[in-house]
C-alpha atoms as a PDB file:
ATOM      1  CA  UNK A   1       0.000   0.000   0.000  1.00  0.00           C
ATOM      2  CA  UNK A   2       1.271   3.440  -0.918  1.00  0.00           C
ATOM      3  CA  UNK A   3      -0.274   6.700   0.284  1.00  0.00           C
ATOM      4  CA  UNK A   4       0.524  10.382   0.073  1.00  0.00           C
ATOM      5  CA  UNK A   5       0.089  12.900   2.877  1.00  0.00           C
ATOM      6  CA  UNK A   6       1.330  16.483   2.739  1.00  0.00           C
ATOM      7  CA  UNK A   7       3.929  15.647   0.084  1.00  0.00           C
ATOM      8  CA  UNK A   8       5.206  12.679   2.125  1.00  0.00           C
ATOM      9  CA  UNK A   9       4.907   9.269   0.494  1.00  0.00           C
ATOM     10  CA  UNK A  10       4.039   6.515   2.962  1.00  0.00           C
ATOM     11  CA  UNK A  11       4.638   2.926   1.855  1.00  0.00           C
ATOM     12  CA  UNK A  12       3.459  -0.110   3.817  1.00  0.00           C
ATOM     13  CA  UNK A  13       4.869  -3.494   2.784  1.00  0.00           C
ATOM     14  CA  UNK A  14       2.473  -6.273   1.853  1.00  0.00           C
ATOM     15  CA  UNK A  15       3.206  -9.999   2.125  1.00  0.00           C
ATOM     16  CA  UNK A  16       4.803 -11.104  -1.143  1.00  0.00           C
ATOM     17  CA  UNK A  17       4.417  -7.544  -2.432  1.00  0.00           C
ATOM     18  CA  UNK A  18       6.877  -5.195  -4.086  1.00  0.00           C
ATOM     19  CA  UNK A  19       9.475  -3.675  -1.770  1.00  0.00           C
ATOM     20  CA  UNK A  20       8.520  -0.146  -0.639  1.00  0.00           C
ATOM     21  CA  UNK A  21      12.107   0.870  -1.416  1.00  0.00           C
ATOM     22  CA  UNK A  22      11.594  -0.147  -5.044  1.00  0.00           C
ATOM     23  CA  UNK A  23       8.406   1.909  -5.207  1.00  0.00           C
ATOM     24  CA  UNK A  24      10.092   4.985  -3.738  1.00  0.00           C
ATOM     25  CA  UNK A  25      12.900   4.656  -6.286  1.00  0.00           C
ATOM     26  CA  UNK A  26      10.267   4.466  -9.018  1.00  0.00           C
ATOM     27  CA  UNK A  27       8.522   7.596  -7.690  1.00  0.00           C
ATOM     28  CA  UNK A  28      11.813   9.508  -7.869  1.00  0.00           C
ATOM     29  CA  UNK A  29      12.470   8.577 -11.498  1.00  0.00           C
ATOM     30  CA  UNK A  30      12.417  10.980 -14.423  1.00  0.00           C
ATOM     31  CA  UNK A  31       9.756   8.895 -16.153  1.00  0.00           C
ATOM     32  CA  UNK A  32       7.338   9.420 -13.269  1.00  0.00           C
ATOM     33  CA  UNK A  33       8.106  13.141 -13.146  1.00  0.00           C
ATOM     34  CA  UNK A  34       7.561  13.407 -16.902  1.00  0.00           C
ATOM     35  CA  UNK A  35       4.292  11.476 -16.691  1.00  0.00           C
ATOM     36  CA  UNK A  36       2.689  13.478 -13.921  1.00  0.00           C
ATOM     37  CA  UNK A  37       3.865  16.822 -15.311  1.00  0.00           C
ATOM     38  CA  UNK A  38       2.537  16.177 -18.809  1.00  0.00           C
ATOM     39  CA  UNK A  39      -0.439  13.887 -18.226  1.00  0.00           C
ATOM     40  CA  UNK A  40      -1.710  14.427 -14.711  1.00  0.00           C
ATOM     41  CA  UNK A  41      -0.970  18.140 -14.331  1.00  0.00           C
ATOM     42  CA  UNK A  42      -0.181  18.207 -10.598  1.00  0.00           C
ATOM     43  CA  UNK A  43      -0.431  21.391  -8.604  1.00  0.00           C
ATOM     44  CA  UNK A  44       2.428  23.832  -8.598  1.00  0.00           C
ATOM     45  CA  UNK A  45       2.842  25.646  -5.322  1.00  0.00           C
ATOM     46  CA  UNK A  46       2.484  29.396  -5.837  1.00  0.00           C
ATOM     47  CA  UNK A  47       5.793  31.201  -5.853  1.00  0.00           C
ATOM     48  CA  UNK A  48       7.665  27.906  -5.912  1.00  0.00           C
ATOM     49  CA  UNK A  49       9.567  25.860  -8.473  1.00  0.00           C
ATOM     50  CA  UNK A  50       8.408  22.635  -6.829  1.00  0.00           C
ATOM     51  CA  UNK A  51       5.558  20.437  -7.958  1.00  0.00           C
ATOM     52  CA  UNK A  52       3.171  18.872  -5.480  1.00  0.00           C
ATOM     53  CA  UNK A  53       2.097  15.253  -5.880  1.00  0.00           C
ATOM     54  CA  UNK A  54      -1.472  15.038  -4.655  1.00  0.00           C
ATOM     55  CA  UNK A  55      -2.927  11.678  -3.532  1.00  0.00           C
ATOM     56  CA  UNK A  56      -5.031  11.441  -6.699  1.00  0.00           C
ATOM     57  CA  UNK A  57      -1.865  11.877  -8.769  1.00  0.00           C
ATOM     58  CA  UNK A  58      -0.121   9.129  -6.854  1.00  0.00           C
ATOM     59  CA  UNK A  59      -3.061   6.788  -7.385  1.00  0.00           C
ATOM     60  CA  UNK A  60      -3.112   7.478 -11.131  1.00  0.00           C
ATOM     61  CA  UNK A  61       0.550   6.690 -11.781  1.00  0.00           C
ATOM     62  CA  UNK A  62       1.141   3.675 -14.049  1.00  0.00           C
ATOM     63  CA  UNK A  63       2.711   0.457 -12.811  1.00  0.00           C
ATOM     64  CA  UNK A  64       3.907  -2.657 -14.583  1.00  0.00           C
ATOM     65  CA  UNK A  65       1.684  -5.734 -14.433  1.00  0.00           C
ATOM     66  CA  UNK A  66       4.554  -7.845 -13.138  1.00  0.00           C
ATOM     67  CA  UNK A  67       7.834  -6.466 -11.833  1.00  0.00           C
ATOM     68  CA  UNK A  68      10.709  -8.842 -12.514  1.00  0.00           C
ATOM     69  CA  UNK A  69      12.984  -9.645  -9.597  1.00  0.00           C
ATOM     70  CA  UNK A  70      16.093  -8.177 -11.228  1.00  0.00           C
ATOM     71  CA  UNK A  71      14.452  -4.785 -11.773  1.00  0.00           C
ATOM     72  CA  UNK A  72      13.075  -4.773  -8.235  1.00  0.00           C
ATOM     73  CA  UNK A  73      16.493  -5.574  -6.817  1.00  0.00           C
ATOM     74  CA  UNK A  74      18.104  -2.812  -8.876  1.00  0.00           C
ATOM     75  CA  UNK A  75      15.553  -0.316  -7.565  1.00  0.00           C
ATOM     76  CA  UNK A  76      16.091  -1.452  -3.974  1.00  0.00           C
ATOM     77  CA  UNK A  77      19.862  -1.201  -4.336  1.00  0.00           C
ATOM     78  CA  UNK A  78      19.447   2.239  -5.879  1.00  0.00           C
ATOM     79  CA  UNK A  79      17.308   3.352  -2.946  1.00  0.00           C
ATOM     80  CA  UNK A  80      19.832   2.076  -0.403  1.00  0.00           C
ATOM     81  CA  UNK A  81      22.710   3.821  -2.158  1.00  0.00           C
ATOM     82  CA  UNK A  82      20.759   7.081  -2.458  1.00  0.00           C
ATOM     83  CA  UNK A  83      19.964   6.931   1.258  1.00  0.00           C
ATOM     84  CA  UNK A  84      23.653   6.435   2.061  1.00  0.00           C
ATOM     85  CA  UNK A  85      24.781   9.274  -0.191  1.00  0.00           C
ATOM     86  CA  UNK A  86      21.992  11.576   1.014  1.00  0.00           C
ATOM     87  CA  UNK A  87      23.194  11.219   4.606  1.00  0.00           C
ATOM     88  CA  UNK A  88      26.641  12.385   3.488  1.00  0.00           C
ATOM     89  CA  UNK A  89      25.373  15.075   1.115  1.00  0.00           C
ATOM     90  CA  UNK A  90      23.388  16.767   3.878  1.00  0.00           C
ATOM     91  CA  UNK A  91      26.739  18.016   5.156  1.00  0.00           C
ATOM     92  CA  UNK A  92      26.588  20.849   2.666  1.00  0.00           C
ATOM     93  CA  UNK A  93      30.000  22.602   2.552  1.00  0.00           C
ATOM     94  CA  UNK A  94      28.300  25.962   2.042  1.00  0.00           C
ATOM     95  CA  UNK A  95      26.296  25.501   5.247  1.00  0.00           C
ATOM     96  CA  UNK A  96      29.513  24.421   6.973  1.00  0.00           C
ATOM     97  CA  UNK A  97      31.243  27.593   5.774  1.00  0.00           C
ATOM     98  CA  UNK A  98      28.522  29.881   7.146  1.00  0.00           C
ATOM     99  CA  UNK A  99      28.522  28.157  10.527  1.00  0.00           C
ATOM    100  CA  UNK A 100      32.315  28.090  10.689  1.00  0.00           C
ATOM    101  CA  UNK A 101      32.570  31.815   9.962  1.00  0.00           C
ATOM    102  CA  UNK A 102      30.152  32.580  12.794  1.00  0.00           C
ATOM    103  CA  UNK A 103      32.188  30.403  15.167  1.00  0.00           C
ATOM    104  CA  UNK A 104      35.629  31.707  14.225  1.00  0.00           C
ATOM    105  CA  UNK A 105      34.791  35.410  14.322  1.00  0.00           C
ATOM    106  CA  UNK A 106      33.898  34.980  17.988  1.00  0.00           C
ATOM    107  CA  UNK A 107      37.614  34.848  18.795  1.00  0.00           C
ATOM    108  CA  UNK A 108      39.432  36.685  15.982  1.00  0.00           C
ATOM    109  CA  UNK A 109      38.117  38.741  13.114  1.00  0.00           C
ATOM    110  CA  UNK A 110      38.720  41.453  10.565  1.00  0.00           C
ATOM    111  CA  UNK A 111      36.185  44.004   9.452  1.00  0.00           C
ATOM    112  CA  UNK A 112      36.514  44.533   5.706  1.00  0.00           C
ATOM    113  CA  UNK A 113      36.844  48.266   6.258  1.00  0.00           C
ATOM    114  CA  UNK A 114      39.802  47.774   8.643  1.00  0.00           C
ATOM    115  CA  UNK A 115      42.864  49.695   7.479  1.00  0.00           C
ATOM    116  CA  UNK A 116      45.203  46.712   7.686  1.00  0.00           C
ATOM    117  CA  UNK A 117      43.267  44.979   4.897  1.00  0.00           C
ATOM    118  CA  UNK A 118      43.779  48.002   2.653  1.00  0.00           C
ATOM    119  CA  UNK A 119      40.560  47.559   0.659  1.00  0.00           C
ATOM    120  CA  UNK A 120      39.605  50.595  -1.420  1.00  0.00           C
ATOM    121  CA  UNK A 121      35.811  50.758  -1.550  1.00  0.00           C
ATOM    122  CA  UNK A 122      35.794  53.868  -3.756  1.00  0.00           C
ATOM    123  CA  UNK A 123      36.015  51.663  -6.865  1.00  0.00           C
ATOM    124  CA  UNK A 124      32.729  49.964  -6.001  1.00  0.00           C
ATOM    125  CA  UNK A 125      29.357  51.192  -7.220  1.00  0.00           C
ATOM    126  CA  UNK A 126      27.470  53.479  -4.798  1.00  0.00           C
ATOM    127  CA  UNK A 127      24.227  51.829  -5.909  1.00  0.00           C
ATOM    128  CA  UNK A 128      22.728  48.611  -4.635  1.00  0.00           C
ATOM    129  CA  UNK A 129      23.556  45.666  -6.896  1.00  0.00           C
ATOM    130  CA  UNK A 130      21.635  42.495  -7.592  1.00  0.00           C
ATOM    131  CA  UNK A 131      23.348  39.484  -6.076  1.00  0.00           C
ATOM    132  CA  UNK A 132      22.922  37.669  -9.403  1.00  0.00           C
ATOM    133  CA  UNK A 133      25.330  40.046 -11.193  1.00  0.00           C
ATOM    134  CA  UNK A 134      28.189  39.460  -8.757  1.00  0.00           C
ATOM    135  CA  UNK A 135      31.126  37.475 -10.138  1.00  0.00           C
ATOM    136  CA  UNK A 136      34.410  36.297  -8.647  1.00  0.00           C
ATOM    137  CA  UNK A 137      37.625  36.983 -10.552  1.00  0.00           C
ATOM    138  CA  UNK A 138      40.790  36.201  -8.601  1.00  0.00           C
ATOM    139  CA  UNK A 139      41.281  38.973  -6.047  1.00  0.00           C
ATOM    140  CA  UNK A 140      38.274  40.855  -7.411  1.00  0.00           C
ATOM    141  CA  UNK A 141      34.527  40.791  -6.950  1.00  0.00           C
ATOM    142  CA  UNK A 142      32.869  42.349  -9.969  1.00  0.00           C
ATOM    143  CA  UNK A 143      29.428  43.759 -10.656  1.00  0.00           C
ATOM    144  CA  UNK A 144      29.127  44.658 -14.335  1.00  0.00           C
ATOM    145  CA  UNK A 145      31.282  47.805 -14.824  1.00  0.00           C
ATOM    146  CA  UNK A 146      32.465  48.004 -11.214  1.00  0.00           C
ATOM    147  CA  UNK A 147      35.011  45.939  -9.316  1.00  0.00           C
ATOM    148  CA  UNK A 148      36.304  45.615  -5.778  1.00  0.00           C
ATOM    149  CA  UNK A 149      39.906  44.525  -5.213  1.00  0.00           C
ATOM    150  CA  UNK A 150      40.046  42.492  -1.986  1.00  0.00           C
ATOM    151  CA  UNK A 151      43.824  42.145  -2.296  1.00  0.00           C
ATOM    152  CA  UNK A 152      43.758  38.412  -1.654  1.00  0.00           C
ATOM    153  CA  UNK A 153      42.078  35.534  -3.487  1.00  0.00           C
ATOM    154  CA  UNK A 154      41.045  33.784  -0.251  1.00  0.00           C
ATOM    155  CA  UNK A 155      39.374  36.924   1.089  1.00  0.00           C
ATOM    156  CA  UNK A 156      37.699  37.584  -2.262  1.00  0.00           C
ATOM    157  CA  UNK A 157      36.278  34.065  -2.467  1.00  0.00           C
ATOM    158  CA  UNK A 158      35.122  34.121   1.155  1.00  0.00           C
ATOM    159  CA  UNK A 159      33.394  37.490   0.796  1.00  0.00           C
ATOM    160  CA  UNK A 160      31.795  36.424  -2.478  1.00  0.00           C
ATOM    161  CA  UNK A 161      30.486  33.234  -0.875  1.00  0.00           C
ATOM    162  CA  UNK A 162      29.117  35.067   2.152  1.00  0.00           C
ATOM    163  CA  UNK A 163      27.284  37.551  -0.057  1.00  0.00           C
ATOM    164  CA  UNK A 164      25.657  35.043  -2.399  1.00  0.00           C
ATOM    165  CA  UNK A 165      24.919  32.346   0.192  1.00  0.00           C
ATOM    166  CA  UNK A 166      23.234  34.845   2.468  1.00  0.00           C
ATOM    167  CA  UNK A 167      20.889  36.198  -0.226  1.00  0.00           C
ATOM    168  CA  UNK A 168      18.157  34.949  -2.509  1.00  0.00           C
ATOM    169  CA  UNK A 169      18.281  35.537  -6.270  1.00  0.00           C
ATOM    170  CA  UNK A 170      16.259  38.770  -6.123  1.00  0.00           C
ATOM    171  CA  UNK A 171      18.235  40.357  -3.295  1.00  0.00           C
ATOM    172  CA  UNK A 172      20.193  43.564  -3.706  1.00  0.00           C
ATOM    173  CA  UNK A 173      23.395  44.309  -1.828  1.00  0.00           C
ATOM    174  CA  UNK A 174      24.309  47.854  -0.784  1.00  0.00           C
ATOM    175  CA  UNK A 175      27.896  48.992  -0.485  1.00  0.00           C
ATOM    176  CA  UNK A 176      27.473  49.583   3.255  1.00  0.00           C
ATOM    177  CA  UNK A 177      26.670  45.917   3.846  1.00  0.00           C
ATOM    178  CA  UNK A 178      29.947  44.822   2.272  1.00  0.00           C
ATOM    179  CA  UNK A 179      31.892  47.329   4.380  1.00  0.00           C
ATOM    180  CA  UNK A 180      30.295  45.961   7.558  1.00  0.00           C
ATOM    181  CA  UNK A 181      31.143  42.351   6.745  1.00  0.00           C
ATOM    182  CA  UNK A 182      33.338  40.557   9.274  1.00  0.00           C
ATOM    183  CA  UNK A 183      35.650  37.654   8.393  1.00  0.00           C
ATOM    184  CA  UNK A 184      37.863  35.359  10.514  1.00  0.00           C
ATOM    185  CA  UNK A 185      41.532  36.251  10.763  1.00  0.00           C
ATOM    186  CA  UNK A 186      42.468  32.688   9.801  1.00  0.00           C
ATOM    187  CA  UNK A 187      40.586  33.036   6.511  1.00  0.00           C
ATOM    188  CA  UNK A 188      43.322  31.242   4.526  1.00  0.00           C
ATOM    189  CA  UNK A 189      43.012  28.055   6.601  1.00  0.00           C
ATOM    190  CA  UNK A 190      39.231  28.331   6.498  1.00  0.00           C
ATOM    191  CA  UNK A 191      39.102  28.532   2.709  1.00  0.00           C
ATOM    192  CA  UNK A 192      41.608  25.693   2.270  1.00  0.00           C
ATOM    193  CA  UNK A 193      39.390  23.421   4.377  1.00  0.00           C
ATOM    194  CA  UNK A 194      36.278  24.643   2.569  1.00  0.00           C
ATOM    195  CA  UNK A 195      37.730  23.843  -0.859  1.00  0.00           C
ATOM    196  CA  UNK A 196      38.581  20.306   0.246  1.00  0.00           C
ATOM    197  CA  UNK A 197      35.078  19.817   1.623  1.00  0.00           C
ATOM    198  CA  UNK A 198      33.680  21.207  -1.624  1.00  0.00           C
ATOM    199  CA  UNK A 199      35.745  18.779  -3.716  1.00  0.00           C
ATOM    200  CA  UNK A 200      34.587  15.854  -1.567  1.00  0.00           C
ATOM    201  CA  UNK A 201      30.998  17.048  -1.832  1.00  0.00           C
ATOM    202  CA  UNK A 202      31.156  17.312  -5.619  1.00  0.00           C
ATOM    203  CA  UNK A 203      32.189  13.656  -5.762  1.00  0.00           C
ATOM    204  CA  UNK A 204      29.242  12.653  -3.559  1.00  0.00           C
ATOM    205  CA  UNK A 205      26.940  14.808  -5.691  1.00  0.00           C
ATOM    206  CA  UNK A 206      28.210  13.130  -8.870  1.00  0.00           C
ATOM    207  CA  UNK A 207      27.733   9.686  -7.311  1.00  0.00           C
ATOM    208  CA  UNK A 208      24.198  10.639  -6.255  1.00  0.00           C
ATOM    209  CA  UNK A 209      23.214  11.677  -9.779  1.00  0.00           C
ATOM    210  CA  UNK A 210      24.845   8.543 -11.207  1.00  0.00           C
ATOM    211  CA  UNK A 211      22.621   6.383  -8.986  1.00  0.00           C
ATOM    212  CA  UNK A 212      19.564   8.391 -10.017  1.00  0.00           C
ATOM    213  CA  UNK A 213      20.480   7.732 -13.646  1.00  0.00           C
ATOM    214  CA  UNK A 214      20.725   4.006 -12.954  1.00  0.00           C
ATOM    215  CA  UNK A 215      17.253   4.115 -11.397  1.00  0.00           C
ATOM    216  CA  UNK A 216      15.951   6.027 -14.421  1.00  0.00           C
ATOM    217  CA  UNK A 217      17.398   3.441 -16.799  1.00  0.00           C
ATOM    218  CA  UNK A 218      15.805   0.611 -14.815  1.00  0.00           C
ATOM    219  CA  UNK A 219      12.403   2.322 -14.898  1.00  0.00           C
ATOM    220  CA  UNK A 220      12.630   3.026 -18.639  1.00  0.00           C
ATOM    221  CA  UNK A 221      13.402  -0.655 -19.207  1.00  0.00           C
ATOM    222  CA  UNK A 222      10.553  -1.762 -16.917  1.00  0.00           C
ATOM    223  CA  UNK A 223       8.052   0.044 -19.127  1.00  0.00           C
ATOM    224  CA  UNK A 224       9.757  -0.763 -22.425  1.00  0.00           C
ATOM    225  CA  UNK A 225      10.547   2.906 -22.999  1.00  0.00           C
ATOM    226  CA  UNK A 226      14.337   2.829 -23.212  1.00  0.00           C
ATOM    227  CA  UNK A 227      14.141   4.151 -26.774  1.00  0.00           C
ATOM    228  CA  UNK A 228      12.184   7.190 -25.509  1.00  0.00           C
ATOM    229  CA  UNK A 229      14.775   8.194 -22.916  1.00  0.00           C
ATOM    230  CA  UNK A 230      16.346  10.980 -24.997  1.00  0.00           C
ATOM    231  CA  UNK A 231      12.958  12.506 -25.824  1.00  0.00           C
ATOM    232  CA  UNK A 232      11.710  12.396 -22.222  1.00  0.00           C
ATOM    233  CA  UNK A 233      14.862  13.895 -20.762  1.00  0.00           C
ATOM    234  CA  UNK A 234      14.970  16.559 -23.455  1.00  0.00           C
ATOM    235  CA  UNK A 235      11.426  17.594 -22.549  1.00  0.00           C
ATOM    236  CA  UNK A 236      12.245  17.669 -18.844  1.00  0.00           C
ATOM    237  CA  UNK A 237      15.255  19.884 -19.555  1.00  0.00           C
ATOM    238  CA  UNK A 238      13.191  22.343 -21.623  1.00  0.00           C
ATOM    239  CA  UNK A 239      10.822  25.126 -20.599  1.00  0.00           C
ATOM    240  CA  UNK A 240       8.423  24.957 -18.839  1.00  0.00           C
ATOM    241  CA  UNK A 241       9.130  21.511 -17.358  1.00  0.00           C
ATOM    242  CA  UNK A 242      12.650  22.535 -16.377  1.00  0.00           C
ATOM    243  CA  UNK A 243      11.136  25.040 -13.948  1.00  0.00           C
ATOM    244  CA  UNK A 244       9.847  22.188 -11.794  1.00  0.00           C
ATOM    245  CA  UNK A 245      12.849  20.483 -10.253  1.00  0.00           C
ATOM    246  CA  UNK A 246      13.281  17.988  -7.413  1.00  0.00           C
ATOM    247  CA  UNK A 247      14.816  19.248  -4.190  1.00  0.00           C
ATOM    248  CA  UNK A 248      17.976  17.323  -3.394  1.00  0.00           C
ATOM    249  CA  UNK A 249      19.221  16.545   0.138  1.00  0.00           C
ATOM    250  CA  UNK A 250      21.917  19.223   0.110  1.00  0.00           C
ATOM    251  CA  UNK A 251      19.636  22.034  -1.058  1.00  0.00           C
ATOM    252  CA  UNK A 252      18.314  24.524   1.478  1.00  0.00           C
ATOM    253  CA  UNK A 253      14.785  25.892   1.317  1.00  0.00           C
ATOM    254  CA  UNK A 254      15.967  29.492   1.581  1.00  0.00           C
ATOM    255  CA  UNK A 255      19.184  31.365   2.406  1.00  0.00           C
ATOM    256  CA  UNK A 256      20.161  31.251   6.065  1.00  0.00           C
ATOM    257  CA  UNK A 257      20.872  34.622   7.701  1.00  0.00           C
ATOM    258  CA  UNK A 258      24.425  34.876   8.973  1.00  0.00           C
ATOM    259  CA  UNK A 259      25.630  36.990  11.877  1.00  0.00           C
ATOM    260  CA  UNK A 260      28.829  38.231  10.306  1.00  0.00           C
ATOM    261  CA  UNK A 261      28.141  41.947  10.154  1.00  0.00           C
ATOM    262  CA  UNK A 262      29.208  44.540  12.699  1.00  0.00           C
ATOM    263  CA  UNK A 263      25.625  45.745  13.133  1.00  0.00           C
ATOM    264  CA  UNK A 264      24.586  42.210  14.122  1.00  0.00           C
ATOM    265  CA  UNK A 265      27.412  41.551  16.531  1.00  0.00           C
ATOM    266  CA  UNK A 266      27.736  44.815  18.415  1.00  0.00           C
ATOM    267  CA  UNK A 267      24.255  46.342  18.305  1.00  0.00           C
END
């Protein structure tokens, strides 16, 4: 038995029935997403890029008359591997960086406007800038025609990360906010550790997507649709279906505020 409640899929095993893990793998496949987006027209939460699988949608999904044991085992193994990787992937290096900055600036910190950093803010635009136009270029953070020389690649990358991770896509960043930003004095060690965590995370992320692809291939084969794979995935990657994406374990719902500004720490 499979049920849906508030976007949570609940699966209860039946004697001699299909493994709930196999069913959950099936529900996370691209074929299922393609089917319910194009045929069942599920609700789309207002202001969100996430689709909502209602109980009636779940009930209407197709299923094979008989699931062969090999396919079921592949789906179960895929589920188990996804669960293992998801537990690791939840340790998002970006979330680690934000938390680590907050911890380290408790004991030693620089304010970006401190004289010993020698940052010249006069080259930066006096206007607020959209976070989406910010780019990182070595020692520089750029915003279209303007640039800010941070004098050090580690500082530049750290400041860039703090600005974009602490803002949503529509946020604007005033010059005063950058000047108030506080960073740890051991920023070089911090960024070295962060880059290693990021490299490790990218490997886990790649492994996660590889397992998802294996599940997709199994599901295509189950339904005899392997020859339609390219078409289905092309449609899912195209507008408007590409606007409705799954949320992966390492993705946050919204940016987390960070207390790394002088106004936050000494008000």
